[in-house]
Amino acid sequence: MSAPGAPSCRQVLNLYRQLLRYGERLKLTDKEYFKQRIRKEFQQNRDLTSPEDILFNFKKGEIVLQNARVI
């Protein structure tokens, strides 16, 4: 069970899928590099346990989608 405020596993997986789909629509960025970077970020953060860290990284991914920019 997730802590209050932290996204659920389903929400994190949905964000991952959305980011990969977003990467397919990029025009001026190497799509394969973007996909590898997303995978690497999620793999590095897979073992996070702190709700604050999880929420921070989740929000970071949402901001990429909202602003439609690569950071």
PDB file of N, CA and C in Angstrom:
ATOM      1  N   MET A   1       0.847  -1.188   0.000  1.00  0.00           N
ATOM      2  CA  MET A   1       0.000   0.000   0.000  1.00  0.00           C
ATOM      3  C   MET A   1       0.885   1.240   0.000  1.00  0.00           C
ATOM      4  N   SER A   2       0.548   2.214  -0.787  1.00  0.00           N
ATOM      5  CA  SER A   2       1.361   3.418  -0.893  1.00  0.00           C
ATOM      6  C   SER A   2       1.011   4.407   0.216  1.00  0.00           C
ATOM      7  N   ALA A   3       1.973   5.254   0.509  1.00  0.00           N
ATOM      8  CA  ALA A   3       1.790   6.266   1.549  1.00  0.00           C
ATOM      9  C   ALA A   3       0.890   7.377   1.015  1.00  0.00           C
ATOM     10  N   PRO A   4       0.267   8.140   1.926  1.00  0.00           N
ATOM     11  CA  PRO A   4      -0.583   9.249   1.478  1.00  0.00           C
ATOM     12  C   PRO A   4       0.227  10.251   0.663  1.00  0.00           C
ATOM     13  N   GLY A   5      -0.325  10.648  -0.450  1.00  0.00           N
ATOM     14  CA  GLY A   5       0.337  11.628  -1.295  1.00  0.00           C
ATOM     15  C   GLY A   5       1.232  11.004  -2.353  1.00  0.00           C
ATOM     16  N   ALA A   6       1.723   9.803  -2.090  1.00  0.00           N
ATOM     17  CA  ALA A   6       2.581   9.139  -3.064  1.00  0.00           C
ATOM     18  C   ALA A   6       1.710   8.490  -4.134  1.00  0.00           C
ATOM     19  N   PRO A   7       2.168   8.507  -5.374  1.00  0.00           N
ATOM     20  CA  PRO A   7       1.377   7.894  -6.449  1.00  0.00           C
ATOM     21  C   PRO A   7       1.367   6.373  -6.310  1.00  0.00           C
ATOM     22  N   SER A   8       0.315   5.760  -6.796  1.00  0.00           N
ATOM     23  CA  SER A   8       0.207   4.301  -6.752  1.00  0.00           C
ATOM     24  C   SER A   8       1.091   3.694  -7.846  1.00  0.00           C
ATOM     25  N   CYS A   9       1.300   2.402  -7.752  1.00  0.00           N
ATOM     26  CA  CYS A   9       2.088   1.697  -8.783  1.00  0.00           C
ATOM     27  C   CYS A   9       1.442   1.864 -10.152  1.00  0.00           C
ATOM     28  N   ARG A  10       0.136   1.822 -10.179  1.00  0.00           N
ATOM     29  CA  ARG A  10      -0.587   1.973 -11.440  1.00  0.00           C
ATOM     30  C   ARG A  10      -0.351   3.358 -12.041  1.00  0.00           C
ATOM     31  N   GLN A  11      -0.342   4.395 -11.197  1.00  0.00           N
ATOM     32  CA  GLN A  11      -0.111   5.754 -11.683  1.00  0.00           C
ATOM     33  C   GLN A  11       1.311   5.897 -12.229  1.00  0.00           C
ATOM     34  N   VAL A  12       2.272   5.284 -11.549  1.00  0.00           N
ATOM     35  CA  VAL A  12       3.665   5.358 -11.998  1.00  0.00           C
ATOM     36  C   VAL A  12       3.812   4.641 -13.345  1.00  0.00           C
ATOM     37  N   LEU A  13       3.210   3.474 -13.470  1.00  0.00           N
ATOM     38  CA  LEU A  13       3.272   2.729 -14.719  1.00  0.00           C
ATOM     39  C   LEU A  13       2.598   3.501 -15.847  1.00  0.00           C
ATOM     40  N   ASN A  14       1.490   4.148 -15.551  1.00  0.00           N
ATOM     41  CA  ASN A  14       0.790   4.963 -16.542  1.00  0.00           C
ATOM     42  C   ASN A  14       1.663   6.139 -16.989  1.00  0.00           C
ATOM     43  N   LEU A  15       2.354   6.772 -16.050  1.00  0.00           N
ATOM     44  CA  LEU A  15       3.255   7.878 -16.389  1.00  0.00           C
ATOM     45  C   LEU A  15       4.378   7.382 -17.288  1.00  0.00           C
ATOM     46  N   TYR A  16       4.926   6.222 -16.975  1.00  0.00           N
ATOM     47  CA  TYR A  16       5.992   5.618 -17.778  1.00  0.00           C
ATOM     48  C   TYR A  16       5.519   5.419 -19.221  1.00  0.00           C
ATOM     49  N   ARG A  17       4.351   4.858 -19.377  1.00  0.00           N
ATOM     50  CA  ARG A  17       3.791   4.623 -20.716  1.00  0.00           C
ATOM     51  C   ARG A  17       3.550   5.939 -21.459  1.00  0.00           C
ATOM     52  N   GLN A  18       3.024   6.926 -20.749  1.00  0.00           N
ATOM     53  CA  GLN A  18       2.767   8.222 -21.376  1.00  0.00           C
ATOM     54  C   GLN A  18       4.061   8.878 -21.841  1.00  0.00           C
ATOM     55  N   LEU A  19       5.117   8.767 -21.030  1.00  0.00           N
ATOM     56  CA  LEU A  19       6.402   9.349 -21.407  1.00  0.00           C
ATOM     57  C   LEU A  19       6.978   8.645 -22.638  1.00  0.00           C
ATOM     58  N   LEU A  20       6.848   7.332 -22.699  1.00  0.00           N
ATOM     59  CA  LEU A  20       7.343   6.609 -23.877  1.00  0.00           C
ATOM     60  C   LEU A  20       6.559   6.998 -25.123  1.00  0.00           C
ATOM     61  N   ARG A  21       5.242   7.150 -24.985  1.00  0.00           N
ATOM     62  CA  ARG A  21       4.425   7.592 -26.132  1.00  0.00           C
ATOM     63  C   ARG A  21       4.802   9.002 -26.554  1.00  0.00           C
ATOM     64  N   TYR A  22       5.027   9.866 -25.569  1.00  0.00           N
ATOM     65  CA  TYR A  22       5.442  11.235 -25.854  1.00  0.00           C
ATOM     66  C   TYR A  22       6.759  11.232 -26.632  1.00  0.00           C
ATOM     67  N   GLY A  23       7.679  10.365 -26.253  1.00  0.00           N
ATOM     68  CA  GLY A  23       8.965  10.275 -26.935  1.00  0.00           C
ATOM     69  C   GLY A  23       8.834   9.906 -28.397  1.00  0.00           C
ATOM     70  N   GLU A  24       7.809   9.129 -28.736  1.00  0.00           N
ATOM     71  CA  GLU A  24       7.589   8.752 -30.132  1.00  0.00           C
ATOM     72  C   GLU A  24       7.140   9.940 -30.983  1.00  0.00           C
ATOM     73  N   ARG A  25       6.573  10.950 -30.358  1.00  0.00           N
ATOM     74  CA  ARG A  25       6.081  12.124 -31.098  1.00  0.00           C
ATOM     75  C   ARG A  25       7.123  13.231 -31.229  1.00  0.00           C
ATOM     76  N   LEU A  26       8.274  13.084 -30.588  1.00  0.00           N
ATOM     77  CA  LEU A  26       9.299  14.128 -30.639  1.00  0.00           C
ATOM     78  C   LEU A  26       9.832  14.265 -32.052  1.00  0.00           C
ATOM     79  N   LYS A  27      10.107  15.485 -32.444  1.00  0.00           N
ATOM     80  CA  LYS A  27      10.590  15.727 -33.793  1.00  0.00           C
ATOM     81  C   LYS A  27      12.066  16.111 -33.825  1.00  0.00           C
ATOM     82  N   LEU A  28      12.518  16.939 -32.902  1.00  0.00           N
ATOM     83  CA  LEU A  28      13.881  17.455 -32.958  1.00  0.00           C
ATOM     84  C   LEU A  28      14.814  16.774 -31.962  1.00  0.00           C
ATOM     85  N   THR A  29      14.378  15.685 -31.374  1.00  0.00           N
ATOM     86  CA  THR A  29      15.177  14.956 -30.397  1.00  0.00           C
ATOM     87  C   THR A  29      15.298  13.513 -30.855  1.00  0.00           C
ATOM     88  N   ASP A  30      16.435  12.910 -30.577  1.00  0.00           N
ATOM     89  CA  ASP A  30      16.639  11.506 -30.908  1.00  0.00           C
ATOM     90  C   ASP A  30      15.673  10.654 -30.082  1.00  0.00           C
ATOM     91  N   LYS A  31      14.735  10.016 -30.732  1.00  0.00           N
ATOM     92  CA  LYS A  31      13.683   9.253 -30.058  1.00  0.00           C
ATOM     93  C   LYS A  31      14.259   8.095 -29.255  1.00  0.00           C
ATOM     94  N   GLU A  32      15.257   7.432 -29.802  1.00  0.00           N
ATOM     95  CA  GLU A  32      15.849   6.282 -29.105  1.00  0.00           C
ATOM     96  C   GLU A  32      16.580   6.745 -27.843  1.00  0.00           C
ATOM     97  N   TYR A  33      17.277   7.863 -27.931  1.00  0.00           N
ATOM     98  CA  TYR A  33      17.952   8.413 -26.747  1.00  0.00           C
ATOM     99  C   TYR A  33      16.935   8.763 -25.667  1.00  0.00           C
ATOM    100  N   PHE A  34      15.845   9.404 -26.052  1.00  0.00           N
ATOM    101  CA  PHE A  34      14.815   9.790 -25.090  1.00  0.00           C
ATOM    102  C   PHE A  34      14.247   8.545 -24.411  1.00  0.00           C
ATOM    103  N   LYS A  35      13.967   7.510 -25.195  1.00  0.00           N
ATOM    104  CA  LYS A  35      13.407   6.269 -24.652  1.00  0.00           C
ATOM    105  C   LYS A  35      14.381   5.625 -23.664  1.00  0.00           C
ATOM    106  N   GLN A  36      15.654   5.593 -24.011  1.00  0.00           N
ATOM    107  CA  GLN A  36      16.667   5.025 -23.121  1.00  0.00           C
ATOM    108  C   GLN A  36      16.789   5.836 -21.837  1.00  0.00           C
ATOM    109  N   ARG A  37      16.700   7.141 -21.967  1.00  0.00           N
ATOM    110  CA  ARG A  37      16.809   8.005 -20.789  1.00  0.00           C
ATOM    111  C   ARG A  37      15.627   7.794 -19.834  1.00  0.00           C
ATOM    112  N   ILE A  38      14.427   7.649 -20.384  1.00  0.00           N
ATOM    113  CA  ILE A  38      13.248   7.402 -19.561  1.00  0.00           C
ATOM    114  C   ILE A  38      13.401   6.071 -18.839  1.00  0.00           C
ATOM    115  N   ARG A  39      13.794   5.033 -19.577  1.00  0.00           N
ATOM    116  CA  ARG A  39      13.978   3.717 -18.960  1.00  0.00           C
ATOM    117  C   ARG A  39      15.015   3.764 -17.844  1.00  0.00           C
ATOM    118  N   LYS A  40      16.131   4.449 -18.105  1.00  0.00           N
ATOM    119  CA  LYS A  40      17.201   4.541 -17.122  1.00  0.00           C
ATOM    120  C   LYS A  40      16.717   5.255 -15.856  1.00  0.00           C
ATOM    121  N   GLU A  41      15.997   6.358 -16.023  1.00  0.00           N
ATOM    122  CA  GLU A  41      15.471   7.099 -14.869  1.00  0.00           C
ATOM    123  C   GLU A  41      14.554   6.218 -14.018  1.00  0.00           C
ATOM    124  N   PHE A  42      13.648   5.503 -14.683  1.00  0.00           N
ATOM    125  CA  PHE A  42      12.712   4.659 -13.947  1.00  0.00           C
ATOM    126  C   PHE A  42      13.433   3.500 -13.271  1.00  0.00           C
ATOM    127  N   GLN A  43      14.441   2.930 -13.920  1.00  0.00           N
ATOM    128  CA  GLN A  43      15.193   1.845 -13.307  1.00  0.00           C
ATOM    129  C   GLN A  43      15.987   2.329 -12.101  1.00  0.00           C
ATOM    130  N   GLN A  44      16.573   3.513 -12.200  1.00  0.00           N
ATOM    131  CA  GLN A  44      17.348   4.065 -11.086  1.00  0.00           C
ATOM    132  C   GLN A  44      16.456   4.368  -9.889  1.00  0.00           C
ATOM    133  N   ASN A  45      15.215   4.741 -10.154  1.00  0.00           N
ATOM    134  CA  ASN A  45      14.311   5.139  -9.078  1.00  0.00           C
ATOM    135  C   ASN A  45      13.371   4.010  -8.642  1.00  0.00           C
ATOM    136  N   ARG A  46      13.576   2.827  -9.168  1.00  0.00           N
ATOM    137  CA  ARG A  46      12.696   1.692  -8.880  1.00  0.00           C
ATOM    138  C   ARG A  46      12.656   1.338  -7.394  1.00  0.00           C
ATOM    139  N   ASP A  47      13.767   1.504  -6.700  1.00  0.00           N
ATOM    140  CA  ASP A  47      13.851   1.087  -5.303  1.00  0.00           C
ATOM    141  C   ASP A  47      13.629   2.217  -4.302  1.00  0.00           C
ATOM    142  N   LEU A  48      13.117   3.342  -4.754  1.00  0.00           N
ATOM    143  CA  LEU A  48      12.835   4.441  -3.834  1.00  0.00           C
ATOM    144  C   LEU A  48      11.765   4.019  -2.833  1.00  0.00           C
ATOM    145  N   THR A  49      11.960   4.401  -1.584  1.00  0.00           N
ATOM    146  CA  THR A  49      10.971   4.062  -0.553  1.00  0.00           C
ATOM    147  C   THR A  49      10.381   5.294   0.109  1.00  0.00           C
ATOM    148  N   SER A  50      11.094   6.397   0.046  1.00  0.00           N
ATOM    149  CA  SER A  50      10.613   7.623   0.668  1.00  0.00           C
ATOM    150  C   SER A  50       9.464   8.215  -0.152  1.00  0.00           C
ATOM    151  N   PRO A  51       8.302   8.433   0.468  1.00  0.00           N
ATOM    152  CA  PRO A  51       7.176   9.021  -0.274  1.00  0.00           C
ATOM    153  C   PRO A  51       7.516  10.374  -0.892  1.00  0.00           C
ATOM    154  N   GLU A  52       8.371  11.138  -0.223  1.00  0.00           N
ATOM    155  CA  GLU A  52       8.760  12.451  -0.746  1.00  0.00           C
ATOM    156  C   GLU A  52       9.566  12.297  -2.031  1.00  0.00           C
ATOM    157  N   ASP A  53      10.516  11.345  -2.036  1.00  0.00           N
ATOM    158  CA  ASP A  53      11.326  11.120  -3.232  1.00  0.00           C
ATOM    159  C   ASP A  53      10.475  10.591  -4.378  1.00  0.00           C
ATOM    160  N   ILE A  54       9.578   9.679  -4.073  1.00  0.00           N
ATOM    161  CA  ILE A  54       8.700   9.119  -5.097  1.00  0.00           C
ATOM    162  C   ILE A  54       7.834  10.208  -5.700  1.00  0.00           C
ATOM    163  N   LEU A  55       7.242  11.024  -4.848  1.00  0.00           N
ATOM    164  CA  LEU A  55       6.376  12.103  -5.324  1.00  0.00           C
ATOM    165  C   LEU A  55       7.159  13.118  -6.145  1.00  0.00           C
ATOM    166  N   PHE A  56       8.381  13.451  -5.704  1.00  0.00           N
ATOM    167  CA  PHE A  56       9.212  14.404  -6.438  1.00  0.00           C
ATOM    168  C   PHE A  56       9.485  13.907  -7.857  1.00  0.00           C
ATOM    169  N   ASN A  57       9.901  12.659  -7.985  1.00  0.00           N
ATOM    170  CA  ASN A  57      10.211  12.107  -9.308  1.00  0.00           C
ATOM    171  C   ASN A  57       8.965  11.941 -10.159  1.00  0.00           C
ATOM    172  N   PHE A  58       7.852  11.604  -9.541  1.00  0.00           N
ATOM    173  CA  PHE A  58       6.590  11.491 -10.267  1.00  0.00           C
ATOM    174  C   PHE A  58       6.192  12.851 -10.834  1.00  0.00           C
ATOM    175  N   LYS A  59       6.280  13.888 -10.011  1.00  0.00           N
ATOM    176  CA  LYS A  59       5.943  15.247 -10.470  1.00  0.00           C
ATOM    177  C   LYS A  59       6.884  15.696 -11.581  1.00  0.00           C
ATOM    178  N   LYS A  60       8.154  15.314 -11.480  1.00  0.00           N
ATOM    179  CA  LYS A  60       9.127  15.668 -12.509  1.00  0.00           C
ATOM    180  C   LYS A  60       8.703  15.091 -13.862  1.00  0.00           C
ATOM    181  N   GLY A  61       8.247  13.850 -13.861  1.00  0.00           N
ATOM    182  CA  GLY A  61       7.765  13.228 -15.095  1.00  0.00           C
ATOM    183  C   GLY A  61       6.513  13.897 -15.625  1.00  0.00           C
ATOM    184  N   GLU A  62       5.608  14.266 -14.719  1.00  0.00           N
ATOM    185  CA  GLU A  62       4.381  14.952 -15.142  1.00  0.00           C
ATOM    186  C   GLU A  62       4.694  16.302 -15.767  1.00  0.00           C
ATOM    187  N   ILE A  63       5.684  16.994 -15.228  1.00  0.00           N
ATOM    188  CA  ILE A  63       6.063  18.307 -15.759  1.00  0.00           C
ATOM    189  C   ILE A  63       6.590  18.181 -17.182  1.00  0.00           C
ATOM    190  N   VAL A  64       7.340  17.117 -17.453  1.00  0.00           N
ATOM    191  CA  VAL A  64       7.831  16.895 -18.822  1.00  0.00           C
ATOM    192  C   VAL A  64       6.650  16.801 -19.784  1.00  0.00           C
ATOM    193  N   LEU A  65       5.620  16.057 -19.381  1.00  0.00           N
ATOM    194  CA  LEU A  65       4.441  15.900 -20.242  1.00  0.00           C
ATOM    195  C   LEU A  65       3.651  17.199 -20.359  1.00  0.00           C
ATOM    196  N   GLN A  66       3.483  17.919 -19.262  1.00  0.00           N
ATOM    197  CA  GLN A  66       2.686  19.147 -19.275  1.00  0.00           C
ATOM    198  C   GLN A  66       3.350  20.227 -20.119  1.00  0.00           C
ATOM    199  N   ASN A  67       4.669  20.379 -19.959  1.00  0.00           N
ATOM    200  CA  ASN A  67       5.361  21.440 -20.673  1.00  0.00           C
ATOM    201  C   ASN A  67       5.747  21.037 -22.080  1.00  0.00           C
ATOM    202  N   ALA A  68       5.624  19.747 -22.373  1.00  0.00           N
ATOM    203  CA  ALA A  68       6.004  19.211 -23.685  1.00  0.00           C
ATOM    204  C   ALA A  68       7.436  19.606 -24.025  1.00  0.00           C
ATOM    205  N   ARG A  69       8.299  19.437 -23.028  1.00  0.00           N
ATOM    206  CA  ARG A  69       9.726  19.737 -23.218  1.00  0.00           C
ATOM    207  C   ARG A  69      10.551  18.619 -22.634  1.00  0.00           C
ATOM    208  N   VAL A  70      11.727  18.454 -23.204  1.00  0.00           N
ATOM    209  CA  VAL A  70      12.672  17.471 -22.683  1.00  0.00           C
ATOM    210  C   VAL A  70      13.570  18.195 -21.700  1.00  0.00           C
ATOM    211  N   ILE A  71      13.660  17.659 -20.476  1.00  0.00           N
ATOM    212  CA  ILE A  71      14.540  18.293 -19.484  1.00  0.00           C
ATOM    213  C   ILE A  71      15.718  17.416 -19.159  1.00  0.00           C
TER     214      ILE A  71
END
